[in-house]
Every structure is written in structure tokens, then in C-alpha cells.
N, C-alpha and C. Protein backbone atom coordinates (compact mmCIF):
# COMPACT_ATOMS: atom_id res chain seq x y z
N MET A 1 82.10 205.21 78.49
CA MET A 1 80.78 205.25 77.89
C MET A 1 79.73 204.81 78.92
N ARG A 2 78.57 205.50 78.91
CA ARG A 2 77.51 205.19 79.87
C ARG A 2 76.73 203.96 79.45
N LYS A 3 76.26 203.28 80.47
CA LYS A 3 75.41 202.11 80.22
C LYS A 3 74.02 202.61 79.81
N PRO A 4 73.44 202.03 78.76
CA PRO A 4 72.11 202.47 78.33
C PRO A 4 71.04 202.11 79.38
N ARG A 5 70.06 203.00 79.53
CA ARG A 5 68.98 202.77 80.49
C ARG A 5 67.95 201.82 79.90
N ASP A 6 67.46 200.97 80.74
CA ASP A 6 66.40 200.04 80.33
C ASP A 6 65.05 200.67 80.71
N PHE A 7 64.51 201.48 79.81
CA PHE A 7 63.27 202.21 80.09
C PHE A 7 62.10 201.26 80.34
N ASP A 8 62.05 200.15 79.62
CA ASP A 8 60.96 199.20 79.81
C ASP A 8 60.97 198.63 81.22
N ALA A 9 62.15 198.28 81.72
CA ALA A 9 62.25 197.73 83.07
C ALA A 9 61.89 198.79 84.11
N GLU A 10 62.32 200.02 83.89
CA GLU A 10 62.00 201.10 84.82
C GLU A 10 60.50 201.37 84.82
N LEU A 11 59.88 201.37 83.65
CA LEU A 11 58.44 201.59 83.55
C LEU A 11 57.68 200.48 84.24
N LYS A 12 58.11 199.25 84.04
CA LYS A 12 57.46 198.11 84.67
C LYS A 12 57.56 198.21 86.19
N SER A 13 58.72 198.64 86.68
CA SER A 13 58.93 198.80 88.12
C SER A 13 58.01 199.89 88.67
N LEU A 14 57.90 201.00 87.95
CA LEU A 14 57.02 202.09 88.39
C LEU A 14 55.55 201.67 88.39
N GLU A 15 55.15 200.91 87.38
CA GLU A 15 53.77 200.42 87.32
C GLU A 15 53.48 199.50 88.49
N HIS A 16 54.46 198.66 88.84
CA HIS A 16 54.30 197.75 89.97
C HIS A 16 54.18 198.54 91.28
N LYS A 17 55.00 199.57 91.44
CA LYS A 17 54.92 200.41 92.64
C LYS A 17 53.58 201.12 92.72
N ALA A 18 53.09 201.63 91.60
CA ALA A 18 51.80 202.33 91.57
C ALA A 18 50.67 201.37 91.94
N ARG A 19 50.74 200.15 91.42
CA ARG A 19 49.72 199.14 91.75
C ARG A 19 49.75 198.82 93.24
N ASP A 20 50.93 198.68 93.80
CA ASP A 20 51.07 198.41 95.24
C ASP A 20 50.51 199.56 96.07
N LEU A 21 50.78 200.80 95.64
CA LEU A 21 50.27 201.96 96.38
C LEU A 21 48.75 202.03 96.33
N ARG A 22 48.17 201.76 95.16
CA ARG A 22 46.70 201.76 95.05
C ARG A 22 46.11 200.67 95.93
N SER A 23 46.72 199.51 95.94
CA SER A 23 46.23 198.41 96.76
C SER A 23 46.32 198.75 98.25
N ARG A 24 47.42 199.36 98.64
CA ARG A 24 47.59 199.74 100.04
C ARG A 24 46.58 200.82 100.44
N LYS A 25 46.30 201.74 99.53
CA LYS A 25 45.33 202.81 99.80
C LYS A 25 43.94 202.21 100.02
N VAL A 26 43.54 201.29 99.17
CA VAL A 26 42.23 200.66 99.30
C VAL A 26 42.16 199.89 100.62
N GLN A 27 43.21 199.18 100.97
CA GLN A 27 43.23 198.42 102.22
C GLN A 27 43.13 199.37 103.42
N GLN A 28 43.86 200.46 103.41
CA GLN A 28 43.84 201.40 104.52
C GLN A 28 42.48 202.09 104.64
N LEU A 29 41.83 202.40 103.52
CA LEU A 29 40.50 202.98 103.58
C LEU A 29 39.51 201.99 104.19
N GLY A 30 39.62 200.73 103.83
CA GLY A 30 38.76 199.71 104.42
C GLY A 30 38.99 199.57 105.91
N GLU A 31 40.26 199.60 106.32
CA GLU A 31 40.59 199.52 107.74
C GLU A 31 40.04 200.72 108.50
N LEU A 32 40.09 201.89 107.88
CA LEU A 32 39.57 203.11 108.51
C LEU A 32 38.06 203.01 108.69
N VAL A 33 37.36 202.53 107.68
CA VAL A 33 35.91 202.37 107.77
C VAL A 33 35.56 201.42 108.91
N ILE A 34 36.29 200.33 109.02
CA ILE A 34 36.02 199.36 110.08
C ILE A 34 36.37 199.92 111.45
N SER A 35 37.53 200.57 111.57
CA SER A 35 37.97 201.05 112.88
C SER A 35 37.08 202.17 113.41
N THR A 36 36.46 202.94 112.54
CA THR A 36 35.58 204.02 112.99
C THR A 36 34.17 203.52 113.28
N GLY A 37 33.88 202.29 112.92
CA GLY A 37 32.55 201.75 113.12
C GLY A 37 31.61 202.08 111.97
N ALA A 38 32.11 202.72 110.93
CA ALA A 38 31.27 203.09 109.80
C ALA A 38 30.85 201.88 108.98
N ASP A 39 31.43 200.73 109.25
CA ASP A 39 31.01 199.52 108.53
C ASP A 39 29.62 199.08 108.97
N ALA A 40 29.10 199.66 110.05
CA ALA A 40 27.74 199.37 110.49
C ALA A 40 26.71 200.09 109.63
N LEU A 41 27.17 201.10 108.89
CA LEU A 41 26.27 201.83 107.99
C LEU A 41 26.07 201.04 106.70
N SER A 42 24.95 201.30 106.06
CA SER A 42 24.75 200.68 104.75
C SER A 42 25.67 201.36 103.75
N ALA A 43 25.89 200.70 102.64
CA ALA A 43 26.74 201.28 101.60
C ALA A 43 26.15 202.59 101.09
N ASP A 44 24.82 202.67 101.01
CA ASP A 44 24.17 203.90 100.55
C ASP A 44 24.39 205.04 101.53
N GLU A 45 24.26 204.75 102.84
CA GLU A 45 24.48 205.78 103.85
C GLU A 45 25.92 206.27 103.83
N LEU A 46 26.85 205.34 103.76
CA LEU A 46 28.25 205.70 103.76
C LEU A 46 28.61 206.51 102.51
N ALA A 47 28.13 206.08 101.37
CA ALA A 47 28.39 206.81 100.13
C ALA A 47 27.79 208.20 100.18
N GLY A 48 26.59 208.32 100.70
CA GLY A 48 25.95 209.63 100.81
C GLY A 48 26.72 210.56 101.72
N ALA A 49 27.19 210.05 102.86
CA ALA A 49 27.97 210.88 103.78
C ALA A 49 29.27 211.32 103.13
N LEU A 50 29.92 210.43 102.43
CA LEU A 50 31.18 210.78 101.77
C LEU A 50 30.96 211.79 100.65
N ILE A 51 29.86 211.68 99.94
CA ILE A 51 29.55 212.64 98.89
C ILE A 51 29.35 214.03 99.48
N VAL A 52 28.62 214.10 100.61
CA VAL A 52 28.42 215.39 101.26
C VAL A 52 29.75 215.97 101.70
N LEU A 53 30.61 215.14 102.25
CA LEU A 53 31.93 215.62 102.67
C LEU A 53 32.73 216.13 101.49
N ALA A 54 32.72 215.39 100.40
CA ALA A 54 33.50 215.77 99.23
C ALA A 54 32.97 217.03 98.57
N GLU A 55 31.66 217.25 98.63
CA GLU A 55 31.06 218.41 97.98
C GLU A 55 31.16 219.68 98.83
N THR A 56 31.47 219.52 100.12
CA THR A 56 31.52 220.67 101.02
C THR A 56 32.72 221.55 100.70
N LYS A 57 32.45 222.81 100.46
CA LYS A 57 33.51 223.78 100.13
C LYS A 57 33.85 224.67 101.33
N ASP A 58 33.00 224.67 102.36
CA ASP A 58 33.19 225.52 103.53
C ASP A 58 34.45 225.11 104.29
N ALA A 59 35.43 226.00 104.32
CA ALA A 59 36.71 225.71 104.96
C ALA A 59 36.54 225.49 106.46
N GLY A 60 35.61 226.18 107.07
CA GLY A 60 35.38 226.02 108.52
C GLY A 60 34.91 224.62 108.86
N LYS A 61 33.99 224.11 108.07
CA LYS A 61 33.48 222.75 108.30
C LYS A 61 34.60 221.73 108.08
N ARG A 62 35.35 221.93 107.01
CA ARG A 62 36.44 220.99 106.71
C ARG A 62 37.47 221.00 107.83
N GLU A 63 37.77 222.18 108.35
CA GLU A 63 38.74 222.28 109.44
C GLU A 63 38.22 221.59 110.69
N ALA A 64 36.93 221.76 110.99
CA ALA A 64 36.34 221.09 112.15
C ALA A 64 36.40 219.58 111.99
N TRP A 65 36.10 219.09 110.80
CA TRP A 65 36.17 217.65 110.55
C TRP A 65 37.60 217.15 110.66
N ALA A 66 38.54 217.95 110.17
CA ALA A 66 39.95 217.56 110.25
C ALA A 66 40.41 217.48 111.71
N LYS A 67 39.97 218.44 112.52
CA LYS A 67 40.32 218.42 113.95
C LYS A 67 39.73 217.19 114.63
N ARG A 68 38.50 216.88 114.27
CA ARG A 68 37.85 215.69 114.85
C ARG A 68 38.58 214.42 114.44
N GLY A 69 38.99 214.35 113.18
CA GLY A 69 39.75 213.19 112.72
C GLY A 69 41.10 213.09 113.39
N ALA A 70 41.78 214.22 113.56
CA ALA A 70 43.08 214.21 114.23
C ALA A 70 42.92 213.77 115.68
N ALA A 71 41.86 214.24 116.33
CA ALA A 71 41.61 213.83 117.72
C ALA A 71 41.34 212.33 117.79
N TYR A 72 40.64 211.80 116.80
CA TYR A 72 40.37 210.36 116.75
C TYR A 72 41.67 209.58 116.68
N PHE A 73 42.56 209.98 115.78
CA PHE A 73 43.82 209.26 115.63
C PHE A 73 44.72 209.44 116.83
N GLN A 74 44.74 210.61 117.45
CA GLN A 74 45.55 210.82 118.65
C GLN A 74 45.02 209.98 119.79
N GLY A 75 43.72 209.90 119.93
CA GLY A 75 43.11 209.08 120.98
C GLY A 75 43.41 207.61 120.77
N ARG A 76 43.41 207.18 119.52
CA ARG A 76 43.71 205.77 119.21
C ARG A 76 45.14 205.44 119.51
N SER A 77 46.06 206.35 119.22
CA SER A 77 47.46 206.05 119.44
C SER A 77 47.79 206.01 120.92
N ARG A 78 47.09 206.81 121.73
CA ARG A 78 47.35 206.81 123.17
C ARG A 78 46.73 205.62 123.86
N GLN A 79 45.51 205.27 123.49
CA GLN A 79 44.80 204.17 124.14
C GLN A 79 44.25 203.23 123.08
N THR A 80 45.08 202.38 122.56
CA THR A 80 44.64 201.50 121.47
C THR A 80 43.60 200.50 121.95
N ALA A 81 43.68 200.07 123.18
CA ALA A 81 42.74 199.06 123.67
C ALA A 81 41.36 199.65 123.92
N SER A 82 41.27 200.84 124.49
CA SER A 82 39.96 201.40 124.82
C SER A 82 39.40 202.28 123.71
N ALA A 83 40.22 202.72 122.78
CA ALA A 83 39.75 203.62 121.72
C ALA A 83 38.69 202.99 120.83
N PRO A 84 38.84 201.73 120.37
CA PRO A 84 37.81 201.19 119.48
C PRO A 84 36.44 201.13 120.15
N GLY A 85 36.36 200.78 121.42
CA GLY A 85 35.07 200.73 122.10
C GLY A 85 34.46 202.12 122.22
N ARG A 86 35.30 203.09 122.52
CA ARG A 86 34.83 204.45 122.67
C ARG A 86 34.44 205.02 121.31
N ASP A 87 35.23 204.77 120.30
CA ASP A 87 34.98 205.33 118.98
C ASP A 87 33.77 204.71 118.30
N THR A 88 33.50 203.45 118.59
CA THR A 88 32.35 202.80 117.96
C THR A 88 31.07 203.48 118.37
N GLY A 89 30.98 203.92 119.63
CA GLY A 89 29.78 204.59 120.10
C GLY A 89 29.58 205.94 119.44
N GLY A 90 30.63 206.66 119.16
CA GLY A 90 30.51 208.00 118.60
C GLY A 90 30.58 208.04 117.09
N ASP A 91 31.04 207.01 116.48
CA ASP A 91 31.29 207.06 115.05
C ASP A 91 30.04 207.02 114.18
N PRO A 92 29.00 206.25 114.52
CA PRO A 92 27.82 206.32 113.66
C PRO A 92 27.27 207.73 113.59
N ALA A 93 27.46 208.52 114.64
CA ALA A 93 27.00 209.90 114.60
C ALA A 93 27.93 210.78 113.78
N GLN A 94 29.18 210.34 113.60
CA GLN A 94 30.14 211.18 112.88
C GLN A 94 29.71 211.43 111.44
N PRO A 95 29.47 210.39 110.61
CA PRO A 95 29.06 210.68 109.24
C PRO A 95 27.72 211.39 109.19
N ARG A 96 26.79 210.95 110.04
CA ARG A 96 25.48 211.60 110.05
C ARG A 96 25.59 212.98 110.67
N GLY A 97 26.50 213.13 111.64
CA GLY A 97 26.72 214.42 112.29
C GLY A 97 27.29 215.43 111.32
N ALA A 98 27.95 214.96 110.28
CA ALA A 98 28.54 215.87 109.31
C ALA A 98 27.44 216.62 108.55
N GLN A 99 26.35 215.94 108.24
CA GLN A 99 25.28 216.58 107.50
C GLN A 99 24.54 217.60 108.37
N PRO A 100 24.11 217.25 109.60
CA PRO A 100 23.44 218.26 110.42
C PRO A 100 24.36 219.41 110.78
N ALA A 101 25.67 219.13 110.94
CA ALA A 101 26.60 220.21 111.26
C ALA A 101 26.60 221.24 110.14
N SER A 102 26.50 220.77 108.90
CA SER A 102 26.47 221.71 107.79
C SER A 102 25.17 222.51 107.81
N ASP A 103 24.07 221.86 108.21
CA ASP A 103 22.80 222.59 108.31
C ASP A 103 22.84 223.58 109.45
N GLY A 104 23.40 223.15 110.59
CA GLY A 104 23.48 224.01 111.76
C GLY A 104 24.39 225.19 111.51
N THR A 105 25.50 224.96 110.83
CA THR A 105 26.43 226.05 110.55
C THR A 105 25.82 227.01 109.54
N GLY A 106 25.09 226.46 108.57
CA GLY A 106 24.46 227.32 107.57
C GLY A 106 23.36 228.17 108.17
N ALA A 107 22.67 227.67 109.22
CA ALA A 107 21.60 228.41 109.85
C ALA A 107 22.16 229.50 110.75
N ALA A 108 23.39 229.33 111.26
CA ALA A 108 23.96 230.30 112.20
C ALA A 108 24.42 231.56 111.58
């Protein structure tokens, strides 16, 4: 005869794992904001840039942003010591650059 499953214990375990994943996601997003230098932006500026990114449907723009993000992470993994200094200089332009890039691409 099979042992009965303890659904309550399994559910509690899954809820705990989900809570841990949400917590880790929030922590990683905060670390990303800091490592890119975007923490120098005001909350309004950062929220506005993220809204523009989220609302963008143009696959070309999204692909360009993805390539830029991949290059950022590849550069960080190769040169962890010099990457933050280099990225801090270019990062404030990144969120703001996303908006003009959409204007420039739309005009072309």
C-alpha cells in the first residue's frame, strides 16, 4: 500500500520556494540597477525609462537593447574590476538613450 501524500506540507514547501524566488528576483534587480549606475537616476526617471522599454513593441529596438545588455554582461564577466568604472560612465545614457533611440528609429 502507498504512503498517503501530505499535500499541506508540499504546498507549504512550494509557497516557501516561491517566496524565496521572489525575494531573490527583487535582490537581483536591485543589484542590476546599482551595477549599471542607474541608481544615480531619480525613481521617476528610472520608472519612466522602464515604462518606455516595457511598452515598446518594435522587435528591432528590443533586439538592439538585448544585444547591448548581453555585451554589458560579457564585458563584466571578462573584466570585473574595470567594468563597473566603464559601465558607470555609459549607463546613465543607456536608459535615456533608449528613448531617443526609439525616436531616431521611428524617424528613419
